[in-house]
Amino acid sequence: MNDNEEKKKPFKEFIRKIKSVKNIEIIVCIILIAIILLLYGIVREAKKKQAESGNAGATIVETASDEERLAAVLSKIKGAGKVEVYIGYDGNFETVYAFDKTTNTTTRTDDSGGANLTTTVTEEKSTAVFDENKKPLIEKTVAPKITGVIVVAEGAKDVAVRLNILKAVATALNVNEKIIEIFIMN
């Protein structure tokens, strides 16, 4: 029993010291508010990252769609056969949002009508929202720079087919032929 009382003694001492502190309720409230704000920040950051990863998913869908469409067109080239395409990008797609822009211009001359002219221009920008879900209006989506294109085709062993594929890819993607590589599919 003595051991048990000795173990409780430091705890009781700690509780006694806490109770002796003036305004302990205020200190506890401040600590609770700090914890709540910390948790709010963590949850907010997690939601922000989730929204960003949702945009990344859209980017993957867009690039995969471009690759599939290009592969479908290339496979129609005489002698190309089955075709697969990979497009490498430098960065991600960028979304440009529409803005409502308000411009106020004020021009003043001095009281005597003299040449002292003062012009003040004030511009305010706010994101345009036209969606019923309160989503911002997207003005355009800017594609990142294409860094390379890989084409794998069954008919790539024929030089004429390779040349036709090369020209088609360069034209479709508006890229230099130097960043396009064509390989034979096995």
Protein backbone atom coordinates (compact mmCIF):
# COMPACT_ATOMS: atom_id res chain seq x y z
CA MET A 1 0.00 0.00 0.00
CA ASN A 2 2.87 2.33 0.67
CA ASP A 3 4.13 1.92 -2.90
CA ASN A 4 0.71 2.77 -4.27
CA GLU A 5 0.49 5.95 -2.19
CA GLU A 6 3.99 6.99 -3.24
CA LYS A 7 3.03 6.57 -6.90
CA LYS A 8 -0.05 8.77 -6.42
CA LYS A 9 1.89 11.43 -4.52
CA PRO A 10 3.53 13.10 -7.59
CA PHE A 11 0.16 13.12 -9.38
CA LYS A 12 -1.58 14.71 -6.39
CA GLU A 13 1.26 17.23 -6.14
CA PHE A 14 0.81 18.12 -9.82
CA ILE A 15 -2.98 18.58 -9.43
CA ARG A 16 -2.44 20.77 -6.36
CA LYS A 17 -0.01 23.01 -8.29
CA ILE A 18 -2.45 23.36 -11.18
CA LYS A 19 -5.30 24.30 -8.84
CA SER A 20 -3.11 26.93 -7.20
CA VAL A 21 -2.51 28.72 -10.53
CA LYS A 22 -4.65 31.85 -10.86
CA ASN A 23 -7.03 32.01 -13.85
CA ILE A 24 -6.53 28.34 -14.72
CA GLU A 25 -9.86 28.37 -16.57
CA ILE A 26 -8.59 31.04 -18.96
CA ILE A 27 -5.37 29.14 -19.61
CA VAL A 28 -7.31 25.93 -20.31
CA CYS A 29 -9.63 27.81 -22.70
CA ILE A 30 -6.66 29.30 -24.56
CA ILE A 31 -5.10 25.85 -24.92
CA LEU A 32 -8.40 24.40 -26.19
CA ILE A 33 -8.78 27.24 -28.71
CA ALA A 34 -5.21 26.68 -29.91
CA ILE A 35 -5.91 22.96 -30.40
CA ILE A 36 -9.14 23.71 -32.30
CA LEU A 37 -7.35 26.19 -34.58
CA LEU A 38 -4.58 23.69 -35.21
CA LEU A 39 -7.08 20.97 -36.13
CA TYR A 40 -8.98 23.42 -38.37
CA GLY A 41 -5.76 24.26 -40.21
CA ILE A 42 -4.93 20.59 -40.70
CA VAL A 43 -8.41 19.80 -42.05
CA ARG A 44 -8.35 22.84 -44.34
CA GLU A 45 -4.93 21.87 -45.73
CA ALA A 46 -6.13 18.31 -46.32
CA LYS A 47 -9.17 19.58 -48.25
CA LYS A 48 -6.92 21.87 -50.31
CA LYS A 49 -4.61 18.97 -51.19
CA GLN A 50 -7.61 16.81 -52.07
CA ALA A 51 -8.92 19.50 -54.42
CA GLU A 52 -5.48 19.81 -56.04
CA SER A 53 -5.24 16.05 -56.50
CA GLY A 54 -8.69 16.16 -58.08
CA ASN A 55 -7.31 18.64 -60.63
CA ALA A 56 -4.34 16.35 -61.21
CA GLY A 57 -6.77 13.54 -61.99
CA ALA A 58 -8.41 15.75 -64.61
CA THR A 59 -4.98 16.41 -66.13
CA ILE A 60 -4.28 12.69 -66.39
CA VAL A 61 -7.63 12.18 -68.12
CA GLU A 62 -6.91 15.03 -70.57
CA THR A 63 -3.46 13.71 -71.49
CA ALA A 64 -4.66 10.12 -71.81
CA SER A 65 -7.49 11.31 -74.04
CA ASP A 66 -5.04 13.22 -76.26
CA GLU A 67 -2.80 10.17 -76.51
CA GLU A 68 -5.71 7.87 -77.37
CA ARG A 69 -7.07 10.26 -80.01
CA LEU A 70 -3.65 10.63 -81.63
CA ALA A 71 -3.08 6.86 -81.57
CA ALA A 72 -6.47 6.32 -83.22
CA VAL A 73 -5.58 8.74 -86.03
CA LEU A 74 -2.07 7.34 -86.50
CA SER A 75 -3.36 3.76 -86.71
CA LYS A 76 -5.35 4.82 -89.78
CA ILE A 77 -2.15 5.68 -91.67
CA LYS A 78 -1.56 3.08 -94.40
CA GLY A 79 0.78 0.39 -93.07
CA ALA A 80 0.96 1.77 -89.51
CA GLY A 81 -1.03 -1.05 -87.91
CA LYS A 82 -1.58 -0.93 -84.16
CA VAL A 83 -0.21 2.28 -82.59
CA GLU A 84 0.41 3.49 -79.03
CA VAL A 85 1.39 7.05 -78.12
CA TYR A 86 2.96 8.71 -75.07
CA ILE A 87 3.13 12.51 -74.78
CA GLY A 88 5.52 14.03 -72.22
CA TYR A 89 4.64 17.41 -70.73
CA ASP A 90 6.65 20.02 -68.85
CA GLY A 91 4.33 20.78 -65.93
CA ASN A 92 0.55 20.59 -65.65
CA PHE A 93 -2.42 22.14 -67.38
CA GLU A 94 -3.13 25.64 -66.08
CA THR A 95 -6.66 26.90 -65.59
CA VAL A 96 -7.25 30.61 -66.20
CA TYR A 97 -10.34 31.94 -64.46
CA ALA A 98 -12.49 34.79 -65.77
CA PHE A 99 -12.51 38.01 -63.75
CA ASP A 100 -15.00 40.81 -63.35
CA LYS A 101 -12.95 43.97 -63.72
CA THR A 102 -14.12 47.35 -62.47
CA THR A 103 -12.17 50.45 -63.43
CA ASN A 104 -12.81 53.88 -61.92
CA THR A 105 -11.08 56.91 -63.41
CA THR A 106 -11.17 60.30 -61.71
CA THR A 107 -9.72 63.42 -63.33
CA ARG A 108 -9.28 66.69 -61.43
CA THR A 109 -8.05 70.13 -62.39
CA ASP A 110 -7.15 72.83 -59.92
CA ASP A 111 -9.80 75.34 -58.80
CA SER A 112 -8.64 78.08 -61.15
CA GLY A 113 -8.97 75.79 -64.19
CA GLY A 114 -5.21 75.75 -64.64
CA ALA A 115 -2.96 73.09 -66.05
CA ASN A 116 -2.57 71.10 -62.83
CA LEU A 117 -4.17 67.80 -63.89
CA THR A 118 -4.52 64.78 -61.56
CA THR A 119 -5.82 61.45 -62.82
CA THR A 120 -6.55 58.53 -60.49
CA VAL A 121 -7.28 55.07 -61.88
CA THR A 122 -8.58 52.36 -59.56
CA GLU A 123 -9.01 48.77 -60.72
CA GLU A 124 -10.74 45.99 -58.84
CA LYS A 125 -10.67 42.36 -59.92
CA SER A 126 -12.95 39.66 -58.62
CA THR A 127 -13.44 36.13 -59.86
CA ALA A 128 -16.48 35.83 -62.11
CA VAL A 129 -18.97 33.26 -60.85
CA PHE A 130 -21.76 32.14 -63.15
CA ASP A 131 -22.28 28.57 -62.05
CA GLU A 132 -25.18 27.76 -59.74
CA ASN A 133 -22.75 25.71 -57.64
CA LYS A 134 -20.74 28.89 -56.98
CA LYS A 135 -17.86 27.60 -59.11
CA PRO A 136 -15.72 30.20 -60.88
CA LEU A 137 -16.07 30.68 -64.61
CA ILE A 138 -13.12 29.20 -66.49
CA GLU A 139 -11.86 31.46 -69.27
CA LYS A 140 -9.41 28.96 -70.75
CA THR A 141 -7.15 26.04 -69.99
CA VAL A 142 -3.51 26.43 -71.01
CA ALA A 143 -1.70 23.23 -71.96
CA PRO A 144 1.88 22.79 -70.77
CA LYS A 145 4.78 22.60 -73.20
CA ILE A 146 5.22 19.20 -74.86
CA THR A 147 8.72 17.88 -74.11
CA GLY A 148 8.62 14.67 -76.11
CA VAL A 149 6.45 12.21 -77.98
CA ILE A 150 6.97 8.45 -78.21
CA VAL A 151 5.11 6.49 -80.86
CA VAL A 152 5.20 2.68 -80.96
CA ALA A 153 3.74 1.24 -84.16
CA GLU A 154 3.58 -2.21 -85.75
CA GLY A 155 4.41 -0.80 -89.17
CA ALA A 156 7.31 1.38 -88.01
CA LYS A 157 9.87 -0.91 -89.68
CA ASP A 158 8.86 0.64 -93.04
CA VAL A 159 10.69 3.96 -93.55
CA ALA A 160 7.78 5.52 -95.49
CA VAL A 161 5.35 4.68 -92.67
CA ARG A 162 7.78 6.14 -90.09
CA LEU A 163 8.03 9.35 -92.10
CA ASN A 164 4.23 9.63 -92.41
CA ILE A 165 3.80 9.04 -88.66
CA LEU A 166 6.50 11.64 -87.91
CA LYS A 167 4.81 14.28 -90.09
CA ALA A 168 1.36 13.47 -88.67
CA VAL A 169 2.51 13.79 -85.04
CA ALA A 170 4.44 17.02 -85.72
CA THR A 171 1.38 18.51 -87.42
CA ALA A 172 -1.21 17.31 -84.90
CA LEU A 173 0.72 18.51 -81.84
CA ASN A 174 2.45 21.49 -83.49
CA VAL A 175 5.87 20.33 -82.25
CA ASN A 176 9.35 20.05 -83.73
CA GLU A 177 10.13 16.68 -85.30
CA LYS A 178 13.29 16.46 -83.15
CA ILE A 179 11.27 15.63 -80.02
CA ILE A 180 9.37 12.76 -81.68
CA GLU A 181 10.68 9.19 -81.45
CA ILE A 182 9.12 6.30 -83.35
CA PHE A 183 9.72 2.66 -82.44
CA ILE A 184 8.73 -0.72 -83.85
CA MET A 185 6.10 -2.57 -81.82
CA ASN A 186 6.94 -6.18 -81.01
